[in-house]
Amino acid sequence: MKFLICAGNEDHYKYLVDTSFVHVDDVARAHIFLFEYPNAKGRYICSALDVTIDKLSEFLSARYPEYQIPNADSLKDIVPVKFSGFSSKKLLEAGFNYQHGLEEIFDGAIESCKQKGFI
C-alpha cells in the first residue's frame, strides 16, 4: 500500500497520512523471538516506526529522485482515514529490537518491485 504514493493513486493517499512500517526481516525475527520467549502470551504488534505522509514524501523524493513523488505541500489538504495507533511496546518490553530502518525497508521493496516489473 505504501507504493501508492509512488504510483500516484491519489484516492489512497488518505490511508498514508500517518502509517506504520516494518521490514519483513524484522517481522520474521519477531516471530522467532516470540517462539523462543518463554513468557510470550497473547498478541504482539510488530511496527518499527511511524511516518507521516509529508515525511514519507520528503524521504522518497530525496532517496529515489527518479520517481515523481508528490511534494509535501500538495499533500497537506488530505483528510486522513482515522486509525487506532499501533504500539510495539509489548514486543519491545519483551526484549525485541528492530534492526532495519526506513531506508532498508524501501530499498529492498523498490528493488524487488523493479525486478518484477511493477515499477
PDB file of N, CA and C in Angstrom:
ATOM      1  N   MET A   1       0.814  -1.187   0.000  1.00  0.00           N
ATOM      2  CA  MET A   1       0.000   0.000   0.000  1.00  0.00           C
ATOM      3  C   MET A   1       0.864   1.260   0.000  1.00  0.00           C
ATOM      4  N   LYS A   2       2.026   1.208   0.589  1.00  0.00           N
ATOM      5  CA  LYS A   2       2.887   2.376   0.672  1.00  0.00           C
ATOM      6  C   LYS A   2       3.360   2.828  -0.700  1.00  0.00           C
ATOM      7  N   PHE A   3       3.353   1.947  -1.673  1.00  0.00           N
ATOM      8  CA  PHE A   3       3.826   2.306  -3.007  1.00  0.00           C
ATOM      9  C   PHE A   3       2.797   3.114  -3.781  1.00  0.00           C
ATOM     10  N   LEU A   4       1.610   3.281  -3.226  1.00  0.00           N
ATOM     11  CA  LEU A   4       0.603   4.086  -3.904  1.00  0.00           C
ATOM     12  C   LEU A   4       1.082   5.517  -4.078  1.00  0.00           C
ATOM     13  N   ILE A   5       1.882   6.013  -3.136  1.00  0.00           N
ATOM     14  CA  ILE A   5       2.416   7.371  -3.275  1.00  0.00           C
ATOM     15  C   ILE A   5       3.328   7.446  -4.491  1.00  0.00           C
ATOM     16  N   CYS A   6       4.029   6.354  -4.777  1.00  0.00           N
ATOM     17  CA  CYS A   6       4.880   6.314  -5.973  1.00  0.00           C
ATOM     18  C   CYS A   6       4.039   6.163  -7.230  1.00  0.00           C
ATOM     19  N   ALA A   7       2.977   5.409  -7.129  1.00  0.00           N
ATOM     20  CA  ALA A   7       2.148   5.124  -8.293  1.00  0.00           C
ATOM     21  C   ALA A   7       1.201   6.270  -8.626  1.00  0.00           C
ATOM     22  N   GLY A   8       1.043   7.224  -7.709  1.00  0.00           N
ATOM     23  CA  GLY A   8       0.211   8.384  -7.986  1.00  0.00           C
ATOM     24  C   GLY A   8      -1.274   8.160  -7.802  1.00  0.00           C
ATOM     25  N   ASN A   9      -1.668   7.162  -7.053  1.00  0.00           N
ATOM     26  CA  ASN A   9      -3.077   6.893  -6.818  1.00  0.00           C
ATOM     27  C   ASN A   9      -3.574   7.778  -5.675  1.00  0.00           C
ATOM     28  N   GLU A  10      -4.002   8.987  -6.008  1.00  0.00           N
ATOM     29  CA  GLU A  10      -4.372   9.986  -5.009  1.00  0.00           C
ATOM     30  C   GLU A  10      -5.548   9.565  -4.140  1.00  0.00           C
ATOM     31  N   ASP A  11      -6.416   8.699  -4.633  1.00  0.00           N
ATOM     32  CA  ASP A  11      -7.548   8.238  -3.834  1.00  0.00           C
ATOM     33  C   ASP A  11      -7.097   7.485  -2.587  1.00  0.00           C
ATOM     34  N   HIS A  12      -5.881   6.970  -2.619  1.00  0.00           N
ATOM     35  CA  HIS A  12      -5.391   6.181  -1.493  1.00  0.00           C
ATOM     36  C   HIS A  12      -4.471   6.952  -0.554  1.00  0.00           C
ATOM     37  N   TYR A  13      -4.156   8.185  -0.854  1.00  0.00           N
ATOM     38  CA  TYR A  13      -3.249   8.957  -0.004  1.00  0.00           C
ATOM     39  C   TYR A  13      -3.795   9.104   1.415  1.00  0.00           C
ATOM     40  N   LYS A  14      -5.116   9.155   1.554  1.00  0.00           N
ATOM     41  CA  LYS A  14      -5.713   9.341   2.884  1.00  0.00           C
ATOM     42  C   LYS A  14      -5.343   8.209   3.841  1.00  0.00           C
ATOM     43  N   TYR A  15      -4.965   7.058   3.305  1.00  0.00           N
ATOM     44  CA  TYR A  15      -4.554   5.931   4.146  1.00  0.00           C
ATOM     45  C   TYR A  15      -3.100   6.050   4.587  1.00  0.00           C
ATOM     46  N   LEU A  16      -2.368   6.968   3.991  1.00  0.00           N
ATOM     47  CA  LEU A  16      -0.936   7.093   4.255  1.00  0.00           C
ATOM     48  C   LEU A  16      -0.572   8.308   5.099  1.00  0.00           C
ATOM     49  N   VAL A  17      -1.569   9.047   5.582  1.00  0.00           N
ATOM     50  CA  VAL A  17      -1.284  10.279   6.312  1.00  0.00           C
ATOM     51  C   VAL A  17      -0.383  10.012   7.514  1.00  0.00           C
ATOM     52  N   ASP A  18      -0.619   8.943   8.214  1.00  0.00           N
ATOM     53  CA  ASP A  18       0.244   8.520   9.320  1.00  0.00           C
ATOM     54  C   ASP A  18       0.246   7.000   9.298  1.00  0.00           C
ATOM     55  N   THR A  19       1.354   6.422   8.900  1.00  0.00           N
ATOM     56  CA  THR A  19       1.371   4.980   8.696  1.00  0.00           C
ATOM     57  C   THR A  19       2.579   4.330   9.355  1.00  0.00           C
ATOM     58  N   SER A  20       2.444   3.057   9.640  1.00  0.00           N
ATOM     59  CA  SER A  20       3.494   2.286  10.307  1.00  0.00           C
ATOM     60  C   SER A  20       4.263   1.451   9.296  1.00  0.00           C
ATOM     61  N   PHE A  21       5.544   1.249   9.578  1.00  0.00           N
ATOM     62  CA  PHE A  21       6.405   0.468   8.700  1.00  0.00           C
ATOM     63  C   PHE A  21       7.202  -0.541   9.506  1.00  0.00           C
ATOM     64  N   VAL A  22       7.497  -1.663   8.864  1.00  0.00           N
ATOM     65  CA  VAL A  22       8.384  -2.665   9.442  1.00  0.00           C
ATOM     66  C   VAL A  22       9.008  -3.447   8.291  1.00  0.00           C
ATOM     67  N   HIS A  23      10.252  -3.808   8.436  1.00  0.00           N
ATOM     68  CA  HIS A  23      10.951  -4.617   7.432  1.00  0.00           C
ATOM     69  C   HIS A  23      10.513  -6.067   7.594  1.00  0.00           C
ATOM     70  N   VAL A  24      10.311  -6.764   6.497  1.00  0.00           N
ATOM     71  CA  VAL A  24       9.859  -8.151   6.545  1.00  0.00           C
ATOM     72  C   VAL A  24      10.834  -9.029   7.333  1.00  0.00           C
ATOM     73  N   ASP A  25      12.122  -8.725   7.274  1.00  0.00           N
ATOM     74  CA  ASP A  25      13.091  -9.498   8.057  1.00  0.00           C
ATOM     75  C   ASP A  25      12.878  -9.297   9.555  1.00  0.00           C
ATOM     76  N   ASP A  26      12.490  -8.084   9.966  1.00  0.00           N
ATOM     77  CA  ASP A  26      12.188  -7.849  11.377  1.00  0.00           C
ATOM     78  C   ASP A  26      10.925  -8.594  11.799  1.00  0.00           C
ATOM     79  N   VAL A  27       9.957  -8.701  10.906  1.00  0.00           N
ATOM     80  CA  VAL A  27       8.750  -9.480  11.213  1.00  0.00           C
ATOM     81  C   VAL A  27       9.121 -10.941  11.444  1.00  0.00           C
ATOM     82  N   ALA A  28       9.936 -11.491  10.562  1.00  0.00           N
ATOM     83  CA  ALA A  28      10.371 -12.886  10.712  1.00  0.00           C
ATOM     84  C   ALA A  28      11.156 -13.065  12.006  1.00  0.00           C
ATOM     85  N   ARG A  29      12.050 -12.120  12.303  1.00  0.00           N
ATOM     86  CA  ARG A  29      12.829 -12.198  13.534  1.00  0.00           C
ATOM     87  C   ARG A  29      11.935 -12.103  14.765  1.00  0.00           C
ATOM     88  N   ALA A  30      10.891 -11.268  14.710  1.00  0.00           N
ATOM     89  CA  ALA A  30       9.962 -11.134  15.835  1.00  0.00           C
ATOM     90  C   ALA A  30       9.215 -12.442  16.073  1.00  0.00           C
ATOM     91  N   HIS A  31       8.814 -13.111  15.008  1.00  0.00           N
ATOM     92  CA  HIS A  31       8.152 -14.414  15.154  1.00  0.00           C
ATOM     93  C   HIS A  31       9.067 -15.402  15.868  1.00  0.00           C
ATOM     94  N   ILE A  32      10.286 -15.493  15.412  1.00  0.00           N
ATOM     95  CA  ILE A  32      11.245 -16.422  16.023  1.00  0.00           C
ATOM     96  C   ILE A  32      11.505 -16.031  17.473  1.00  0.00           C
ATOM     97  N   PHE A  33      11.686 -14.733  17.713  1.00  0.00           N
ATOM     98  CA  PHE A  33      11.919 -14.242  19.071  1.00  0.00           C
ATOM     99  C   PHE A  33      10.788 -14.679  20.001  1.00  0.00           C
ATOM    100  N   LEU A  34       9.549 -14.504  19.564  1.00  0.00           N
ATOM    101  CA  LEU A  34       8.408 -14.838  20.418  1.00  0.00           C
ATOM    102  C   LEU A  34       8.218 -16.342  20.578  1.00  0.00           C
ATOM    103  N   PHE A  35       8.568 -17.130  19.568  1.00  0.00           N
ATOM    104  CA  PHE A  35       8.532 -18.586  19.728  1.00  0.00           C
ATOM    105  C   PHE A  35       9.485 -19.025  20.830  1.00  0.00           C
ATOM    106  N   GLU A  36      10.605 -18.326  20.932  1.00  0.00           N
ATOM    107  CA  GLU A  36      11.632 -18.688  21.904  1.00  0.00           C
ATOM    108  C   GLU A  36      11.476 -17.974  23.244  1.00  0.00           C
ATOM    109  N   TYR A  37      10.620 -16.960  23.313  1.00  0.00           N
ATOM    110  CA  TYR A  37      10.424 -16.179  24.539  1.00  0.00           C
ATOM    111  C   TYR A  37       9.465 -16.932  25.456  1.00  0.00           C
ATOM    112  N   PRO A  38       9.928 -17.365  26.623  1.00  0.00           N
ATOM    113  CA  PRO A  38       9.102 -18.226  27.476  1.00  0.00           C
ATOM    114  C   PRO A  38       7.856 -17.549  28.039  1.00  0.00           C
ATOM    115  N   ASN A  39       7.843 -16.227  28.150  1.00  0.00           N
ATOM    116  CA  ASN A  39       6.697 -15.526  28.735  1.00  0.00           C
ATOM    117  C   ASN A  39       5.750 -14.937  27.694  1.00  0.00           C
ATOM    118  N   ALA A  40       5.886 -15.337  26.453  1.00  0.00           N
ATOM    119  CA  ALA A  40       5.026 -14.789  25.394  1.00  0.00           C
ATOM    120  C   ALA A  40       3.583 -15.228  25.615  1.00  0.00           C
ATOM    121  N   LYS A  41       2.691 -14.237  25.625  1.00  0.00           N
ATOM    122  CA  LYS A  41       1.257 -14.511  25.783  1.00  0.00           C
ATOM    123  C   LYS A  41       0.481 -13.489  24.968  1.00  0.00           C
ATOM    124  N   GLY A  42      -0.532 -13.952  24.285  1.00  0.00           N
ATOM    125  CA  GLY A  42      -1.393 -13.043  23.548  1.00  0.00           C
ATOM    126  C   GLY A  42      -0.793 -12.569  22.241  1.00  0.00           C
ATOM    127  N   ARG A  43      -1.270 -11.407  21.817  1.00  0.00           N
ATOM    128  CA  ARG A  43      -0.860 -10.845  20.529  1.00  0.00           C
ATOM    129  C   ARG A  43       0.208  -9.774  20.715  1.00  0.00           C
ATOM    130  N   TYR A  44       1.048  -9.669  19.711  1.00  0.00           N
ATOM    131  CA  TYR A  44       2.112  -8.675  19.712  1.00  0.00           C
ATOM    132  C   TYR A  44       2.051  -7.905  18.401  1.00  0.00           C
ATOM    133  N   ILE A  45       2.215  -6.602  18.495  1.00  0.00           N
ATOM    134  CA  ILE A  45       2.264  -5.760  17.305  1.00  0.00           C
ATOM    135  C   ILE A  45       3.719  -5.541  16.930  1.00  0.00           C
ATOM    136  N   CYS A  46       3.997  -5.682  15.652  1.00  0.00           N
ATOM    137  CA  CYS A  46       5.363  -5.530  15.144  1.00  0.00           C
ATOM    138  C   CYS A  46       5.376  -4.350  14.179  1.00  0.00           C
ATOM    139  N   SER A  47       5.644  -3.170  14.714  1.00  0.00           N
ATOM    140  CA  SER A  47       5.652  -1.938  13.929  1.00  0.00           C
ATOM    141  C   SER A  47       6.882  -1.132  14.319  1.00  0.00           C
ATOM    142  N   ALA A  48       7.850  -1.070  13.445  1.00  0.00           N
ATOM    143  CA  ALA A  48       9.142  -0.464  13.783  1.00  0.00           C
ATOM    144  C   ALA A  48       9.087   1.054  13.895  1.00  0.00           C
ATOM    145  N   LEU A  49       8.334   1.705  13.002  1.00  0.00           N
ATOM    146  CA  LEU A  49       8.302   3.161  13.036  1.00  0.00           C
ATOM    147  C   LEU A  49       7.056   3.687  12.359  1.00  0.00           C
ATOM    148  N   ASP A  50       6.670   4.889  12.768  1.00  0.00           N
ATOM    149  CA  ASP A  50       5.532   5.591  12.176  1.00  0.00           C
ATOM    150  C   ASP A  50       6.059   6.787  11.396  1.00  0.00           C
ATOM    151  N   VAL A  51       5.464   7.019  10.239  1.00  0.00           N
ATOM    152  CA  VAL A  51       5.909   8.115   9.378  1.00  0.00           C
ATOM    153  C   VAL A  51       4.679   8.836   8.838  1.00  0.00           C
ATOM    154  N   THR A  52       4.717  10.168   8.868  1.00  0.00           N
ATOM    155  CA  THR A  52       3.629  10.953   8.291  1.00  0.00           C
ATOM    156  C   THR A  52       3.821  11.040   6.783  1.00  0.00           C
ATOM    157  N   ILE A  53       2.753  11.343   6.075  1.00  0.00           N
ATOM    158  CA  ILE A  53       2.816  11.365   4.612  1.00  0.00           C
ATOM    159  C   ILE A  53       3.774  12.446   4.108  1.00  0.00           C
ATOM    160  N   ASP A  54       3.854  13.573   4.802  1.00  0.00           N
ATOM    161  CA  ASP A  54       4.783  14.610   4.342  1.00  0.00           C
ATOM    162  C   ASP A  54       6.233  14.178   4.542  1.00  0.00           C
ATOM    163  N   LYS A  55       6.523  13.506   5.653  1.00  0.00           N
ATOM    164  CA  LYS A  55       7.882  12.984   5.869  1.00  0.00           C
ATOM    165  C   LYS A  55       8.191  11.863   4.878  1.00  0.00           C
ATOM    166  N   LEU A  56       7.189  11.041   4.580  1.00  0.00           N
ATOM    167  CA  LEU A  56       7.370   9.975   3.602  1.00  0.00           C
ATOM    168  C   LEU A  56       7.667  10.569   2.223  1.00  0.00           C
ATOM    169  N   SER A  57       6.937  11.614   1.867  1.00  0.00           N
ATOM    170  CA  SER A  57       7.163  12.290   0.591  1.00  0.00           C
ATOM    171  C   SER A  57       8.580  12.855   0.506  1.00  0.00           C
ATOM    172  N   GLU A  58       9.018  13.514   1.571  1.00  0.00           N
ATOM    173  CA  GLU A  58      10.378  14.068   1.602  1.00  0.00           C
ATOM    174  C   GLU A  58      11.422  12.959   1.480  1.00  0.00           C
ATOM    175  N   PHE A  59      11.229  11.891   2.229  1.00  0.00           N
ATOM    176  CA  PHE A  59      12.172  10.770   2.210  1.00  0.00           C
ATOM    177  C   PHE A  59      12.250  10.141   0.821  1.00  0.00           C
ATOM    178  N   LEU A  60      11.084   9.815   0.250  1.00  0.00           N
ATOM    179  CA  LEU A  60      11.060   9.148  -1.050  1.00  0.00           C
ATOM    180  C   LEU A  60      11.623  10.039  -2.155  1.00  0.00           C
ATOM    181  N   SER A  61      11.292  11.320  -2.114  1.00  0.00           N
ATOM    182  CA  SER A  61      11.801  12.259  -3.127  1.00  0.00           C
ATOM    183  C   SER A  61      13.318  12.361  -3.083  1.00  0.00           C
ATOM    184  N   ALA A  62      13.866  12.400  -1.883  1.00  0.00           N
ATOM    185  CA  ALA A  62      15.321  12.518  -1.739  1.00  0.00           C
ATOM    186  C   ALA A  62      16.031  11.213  -2.086  1.00  0.00           C
ATOM    187  N   ARG A  63      15.459  10.100  -1.677  1.00  0.00           N
ATOM    188  CA  ARG A  63      16.137   8.811  -1.854  1.00  0.00           C
ATOM    189  C   ARG A  63      15.954   8.254  -3.261  1.00  0.00           C
ATOM    190  N   TYR A  64      14.814   8.533  -3.873  1.00  0.00           N
ATOM    191  CA  TYR A  64      14.501   7.981  -5.196  1.00  0.00           C
ATOM    192  C   TYR A  64      14.081   9.112  -6.140  1.00  0.00           C
ATOM    193  N   PRO A  65      15.011   9.990  -6.509  1.00  0.00           N
ATOM    194  CA  PRO A  65      14.659  11.141  -7.348  1.00  0.00           C
ATOM    195  C   PRO A  65      14.187  10.756  -8.747  1.00  0.00           C
ATOM    196  N   GLU A  66      14.422   9.516  -9.152  1.00  0.00           N
ATOM    197  CA  GLU A  66      13.985   9.081 -10.481  1.00  0.00           C
ATOM    198  C   GLU A  66      12.470   8.887 -10.572  1.00  0.00           C
ATOM    199  N   TYR A  67      11.778   8.916  -9.413  1.00  0.00           N
ATOM    200  CA  TYR A  67      10.320   8.757  -9.397  1.00  0.00           C
ATOM    201  C   TYR A  67       9.663  10.094  -9.096  1.00  0.00           C
ATOM    202  N   GLN A  68       8.481  10.299  -9.664  1.00  0.00           N
ATOM    203  CA  GLN A  68       7.726  11.512  -9.377  1.00  0.00           C
ATOM    204  C   GLN A  68       6.930  11.278  -8.100  1.00  0.00           C
ATOM    205  N   ILE A  69       7.351  11.936  -7.044  1.00  0.00           N
ATOM    206  CA  ILE A  69       6.704  11.818  -5.742  1.00  0.00           C
ATOM    207  C   ILE A  69       6.014  13.149  -5.455  1.00  0.00           C
ATOM    208  N   PRO A  70       4.751  13.122  -5.020  1.00  0.00           N
ATOM    209  CA  PRO A  70       4.084  14.382  -4.674  1.00  0.00           C
ATOM    210  C   PRO A  70       4.860  15.101  -3.564  1.00  0.00           C
ATOM    211  N   ASN A  71       4.951  16.431  -3.665  1.00  0.00           N
ATOM    212  CA  ASN A  71       5.658  17.158  -2.608  1.00  0.00           C
ATOM    213  C   ASN A  71       4.741  17.357  -1.403  1.00  0.00           C
ATOM    214  N   ALA A  72       5.342  17.680  -0.267  1.00  0.00           N
ATOM    215  CA  ALA A  72       4.602  17.791   0.991  1.00  0.00           C
ATOM    216  C   ALA A  72       3.481  18.825   0.909  1.00  0.00           C
ATOM    217  N   ASP A  73       3.704  19.944   0.203  1.00  0.00           N
ATOM    218  CA  ASP A  73       2.671  20.975   0.081  1.00  0.00           C
ATOM    219  C   ASP A  73       1.423  20.456  -0.622  1.00  0.00           C
ATOM    220  N   SER A  74       1.605  19.613  -1.613  1.00  0.00           N
ATOM    221  CA  SER A  74       0.455  19.089  -2.354  1.00  0.00           C
ATOM    222  C   SER A  74      -0.327  18.056  -1.545  1.00  0.00           C
ATOM    223  N   LEU A  75       0.232  17.612  -0.439  1.00  0.00           N
ATOM    224  CA  LEU A  75      -0.410  16.577   0.375  1.00  0.00           C
ATOM    225  C   LEU A  75      -1.053  17.125   1.643  1.00  0.00           C
ATOM    226  N   LYS A  76      -0.882  18.422   1.914  1.00  0.00           N
ATOM    227  CA  LYS A  76      -1.300  18.979   3.201  1.00  0.00           C
ATOM    228  C   LYS A  76      -2.814  19.009   3.410  1.00  0.00           C
ATOM    229  N   ASP A  77      -3.602  19.011   2.352  1.00  0.00           N
ATOM    230  CA  ASP A  77      -5.053  19.105   2.487  1.00  0.00           C
ATOM    231  C   ASP A  77      -5.757  17.750   2.512  1.00  0.00           C
ATOM    232  N   ILE A  78      -5.004  16.690   2.561  1.00  0.00           N
ATOM    233  CA  ILE A  78      -5.603  15.351   2.573  1.00  0.00           C
ATOM    234  C   ILE A  78      -6.293  15.109   3.906  1.00  0.00           C
ATOM    235  N   VAL A  79      -7.527  14.655   3.834  1.00  0.00           N
ATOM    236  CA  VAL A  79      -8.269  14.299   5.046  1.00  0.00           C
ATOM    237  C   VAL A  79      -7.966  12.835   5.343  1.00  0.00           C
ATOM    238  N   PRO A  80      -7.336  12.570   6.480  1.00  0.00           N
ATOM    239  CA  PRO A  80      -6.908  11.195   6.768  1.00  0.00           C
ATOM    240  C   PRO A  80      -8.047  10.282   7.181  1.00  0.00           C
ATOM    241  N   VAL A  81      -7.869   9.009   6.929  1.00  0.00           N
ATOM    242  CA  VAL A  81      -8.744   7.982   7.486  1.00  0.00           C
ATOM    243  C   VAL A  81      -8.241   7.757   8.902  1.00  0.00           C
ATOM    244  N   LYS A  82      -9.151   7.728   9.860  1.00  0.00           N
ATOM    245  CA  LYS A  82      -8.732   7.573  11.256  1.00  0.00           C
ATOM    246  C   LYS A  82      -8.463   6.110  11.568  1.00  0.00           C
ATOM    247  N   PHE A  83      -7.300   5.884  12.157  1.00  0.00           N
ATOM    248  CA  PHE A  83      -6.894   4.555  12.597  1.00  0.00           C
ATOM    249  C   PHE A  83      -6.499   4.631  14.062  1.00  0.00           C
ATOM    250  N   SER A  84      -6.644   3.525  14.747  1.00  0.00           N
ATOM    251  CA  SER A  84      -6.050   3.430  16.075  1.00  0.00           C
ATOM    252  C   SER A  84      -4.555   3.290  15.869  1.00  0.00           C
ATOM    253  N   GLY A  85      -3.795   3.877  16.735  1.00  0.00           N
ATOM    254  CA  GLY A  85      -2.344   3.779  16.600  1.00  0.00           C
ATOM    255  C   GLY A  85      -1.844   2.377  16.914  1.00  0.00           C
ATOM    256  N   PHE A  86      -0.709   2.042  16.335  1.00  0.00           N
ATOM    257  CA  PHE A  86      -0.067   0.765  16.617  1.00  0.00           C
ATOM    258  C   PHE A  86       1.055   1.001  17.612  1.00  0.00           C
ATOM    259  N   SER A  87       1.211   0.083  18.540  1.00  0.00           N
ATOM    260  CA  SER A  87       2.299   0.193  19.501  1.00  0.00           C
ATOM    261  C   SER A  87       2.991  -1.149  19.656  1.00  0.00           C
ATOM    262  N   SER A  88       4.294  -1.124  19.497  1.00  0.00           N
ATOM    263  CA  SER A  88       5.106  -2.324  19.695  1.00  0.00           C
ATOM    264  C   SER A  88       5.653  -2.394  21.112  1.00  0.00           C
ATOM    265  N   LYS A  89       5.077  -1.622  22.018  1.00  0.00           N
ATOM    266  CA  LYS A  89       5.573  -1.552  23.388  1.00  0.00           C
ATOM    267  C   LYS A  89       5.721  -2.938  24.015  1.00  0.00           C
ATOM    268  N   LYS A  90       4.732  -3.775  23.867  1.00  0.00           N
ATOM    269  CA  LYS A  90       4.767  -5.115  24.454  1.00  0.00           C
ATOM    270  C   LYS A  90       5.934  -5.933  23.893  1.00  0.00           C
ATOM    271  N   LEU A  91       6.135  -5.864  22.596  1.00  0.00           N
ATOM    272  CA  LEU A  91       7.224  -6.590  21.944  1.00  0.00           C
ATOM    273  C   LEU A  91       8.584  -6.046  22.389  1.00  0.00           C
ATOM    274  N   LEU A  92       8.705  -4.731  22.456  1.00  0.00           N
ATOM    275  CA  LEU A  92       9.961  -4.109  22.876  1.00  0.00           C
ATOM    276  C   LEU A  92      10.270  -4.405  24.339  1.00  0.00           C
ATOM    277  N   GLU A  93       9.237  -4.381  25.182  1.00  0.00           N
ATOM    278  CA  GLU A  93       9.441  -4.685  26.604  1.00  0.00           C
ATOM    279  C   GLU A  93       9.845  -6.138  26.822  1.00  0.00           C
ATOM    280  N   ALA A  94       9.495  -7.000  25.887  1.00  0.00           N
ATOM    281  CA  ALA A  94       9.908  -8.405  25.969  1.00  0.00           C
ATOM    282  C   ALA A  94      11.385  -8.557  25.610  1.00  0.00           C
ATOM    283  N   GLY A  95      11.980  -7.512  25.023  1.00  0.00           N
ATOM    284  CA  GLY A  95      13.401  -7.543  24.702  1.00  0.00           C
ATOM    285  C   GLY A  95      13.742  -7.555  23.227  1.00  0.00           C
ATOM    286  N   PHE A  96      12.739  -7.433  22.365  1.00  0.00           N
ATOM    287  CA  PHE A  96      12.993  -7.433  20.928  1.00  0.00           C
ATOM    288  C   PHE A  96      13.544  -6.082  20.486  1.00  0.00           C
ATOM    289  N   ASN A  97      14.444  -6.089  19.520  1.00  0.00           N
ATOM    290  CA  ASN A  97      14.991  -4.867  18.929  1.00  0.00           C
ATOM    291  C   ASN A  97      14.885  -4.941  17.413  1.00  0.00           C
ATOM    292  N   TYR A  98      14.411  -3.843  16.818  1.00  0.00           N
ATOM    293  CA  TYR A  98      14.347  -3.759  15.360  1.00  0.00           C
ATOM    294  C   TYR A  98      15.735  -3.508  14.800  1.00  0.00           C
ATOM    295  N   GLN A  99      16.016  -4.085  13.648  1.00  0.00           N
ATOM    296  CA  GLN A  99      17.323  -3.928  13.021  1.00  0.00           C
ATOM    297  C   GLN A  99      17.289  -3.103  11.740  1.00  0.00           C
ATOM    298  N   HIS A 100      16.106  -2.849  11.204  1.00  0.00           N
ATOM    299  CA  HIS A 100      16.009  -2.185   9.899  1.00  0.00           C
ATOM    300  C   HIS A 100      15.208  -0.892   9.995  1.00  0.00           C
ATOM    301  N   GLY A 101      15.720   0.136   9.323  1.00  0.00           N
ATOM    302  CA  GLY A 101      15.046   1.423   9.275  1.00  0.00           C
ATOM    303  C   GLY A 101      14.327   1.630   7.957  1.00  0.00           C
ATOM    304  N   LEU A 102      13.811   2.830   7.784  1.00  0.00           N
ATOM    305  CA  LEU A 102      13.024   3.168   6.600  1.00  0.00           C
ATOM    306  C   LEU A 102      13.822   2.989   5.310  1.00  0.00           C
ATOM    307  N   GLU A 103      15.101   3.334   5.348  1.00  0.00           N
ATOM    308  CA  GLU A 103      15.936   3.206   4.149  1.00  0.00           C
ATOM    309  C   GLU A 103      15.971   1.760   3.663  1.00  0.00           C
ATOM    310  N   GLU A 104      16.232   0.845   4.583  1.00  0.00           N
ATOM    311  CA  GLU A 104      16.320  -0.572   4.205  1.00  0.00           C
ATOM    312  C   GLU A 104      14.960  -1.133   3.798  1.00  0.00           C
ATOM    313  N   ILE A 105      13.921  -0.682   4.471  1.00  0.00           N
ATOM    314  CA  ILE A 105      12.571  -1.138   4.123  1.00  0.00           C
ATOM    315  C   ILE A 105      12.280  -0.796   2.664  1.00  0.00           C
ATOM    316  N   PHE A 106      12.511   0.455   2.288  1.00  0.00           N
ATOM    317  CA  PHE A 106      12.189   0.878   0.929  1.00  0.00           C
ATOM    318  C   PHE A 106      13.200   0.414  -0.101  1.00  0.00           C
ATOM    319  N   ASP A 107      14.479   0.387   0.252  1.00  0.00           N
ATOM    320  CA  ASP A 107      15.476  -0.081  -0.715  1.00  0.00           C
ATOM    321  C   ASP A 107      15.152  -1.495  -1.181  1.00  0.00           C
ATOM    322  N   GLY A 108      14.852  -2.369  -0.249  1.00  0.00           N
ATOM    323  CA  GLY A 108      14.522  -3.750  -0.606  1.00  0.00           C
ATOM    324  C   GLY A 108      13.225  -3.851  -1.387  1.00  0.00           C
ATOM    325  N   ALA A 109      12.227  -3.106  -0.950  1.00  0.00           N
ATOM    326  CA  ALA A 109      10.927  -3.157  -1.618  1.00  0.00           C
ATOM    327  C   ALA A 109      10.999  -2.582  -3.033  1.00  0.00           C
ATOM    328  N   ILE A 110      11.671  -1.454  -3.185  1.00  0.00           N
ATOM    329  CA  ILE A 110      11.809  -0.833  -4.512  1.00  0.00           C
ATOM    330  C   ILE A 110      12.571  -1.760  -5.452  1.00  0.00           C
ATOM    331  N   GLU A 111      13.657  -2.328  -4.969  1.00  0.00           N
ATOM    332  CA  GLU A 111      14.458  -3.237  -5.800  1.00  0.00           C
ATOM    333  C   GLU A 111      13.632  -4.447  -6.231  1.00  0.00           C
ATOM    334  N   SER A 112      12.865  -5.001  -5.311  1.00  0.00           N
ATOM    335  CA  SER A 112      12.016  -6.150  -5.636  1.00  0.00           C
ATOM    336  C   SER A 112      10.965  -5.774  -6.683  1.00  0.00           C
ATOM    337  N   CYS A 113      10.350  -4.607  -6.526  1.00  0.00           N
ATOM    338  CA  CYS A 113       9.346  -4.162  -7.497  1.00  0.00           C
ATOM    339  C   CYS A 113       9.960  -3.905  -8.869  1.00  0.00           C
ATOM    340  N   LYS A 114      11.180  -3.377  -8.890  1.00  0.00           N
ATOM    341  CA  LYS A 114      11.876  -3.179 -10.172  1.00  0.00           C
ATOM    342  C   LYS A 114      12.120  -4.520 -10.859  1.00  0.00           C
ATOM    343  N   GLN A 115      12.618  -5.491 -10.104  1.00  0.00           N
ATOM    344  CA  GLN A 115      12.920  -6.807 -10.663  1.00  0.00           C
ATOM    345  C   GLN A 115      11.676  -7.485 -11.222  1.00  0.00           C
ATOM    346  N   LYS A 116      10.535  -7.239 -10.601  1.00  0.00           N
ATOM    347  CA  LYS A 116       9.294  -7.875 -11.031  1.00  0.00           C
ATOM    348  C   LYS A 116       8.545  -7.050 -12.079  1.00  0.00           C
ATOM    349  N   GLY A 117       9.075  -5.872 -12.404  1.00  0.00           N
ATOM    350  CA  GLY A 117       8.462  -5.037 -13.428  1.00  0.00           C
ATOM    351  C   GLY A 117       7.264  -4.233 -12.954  1.00  0.00           C
ATOM    352  N   PHE A 118       7.084  -4.096 -11.636  1.00  0.00           N
ATOM    353  CA  PHE A 118       5.965  -3.311 -11.114  1.00  0.00           C
ATOM    354  C   PHE A 118       6.222  -1.818 -11.224  1.00  0.00           C
ATOM    355  N   ILE A 119       7.493  -1.440 -11.163  1.00  0.00           N
ATOM    356  CA  ILE A 119       7.847  -0.020 -11.302  1.00  0.00           C
ATOM    357  C   ILE A 119       9.085   0.083 -12.181  1.00  0.00           C
TER     358      ILE A 119
END
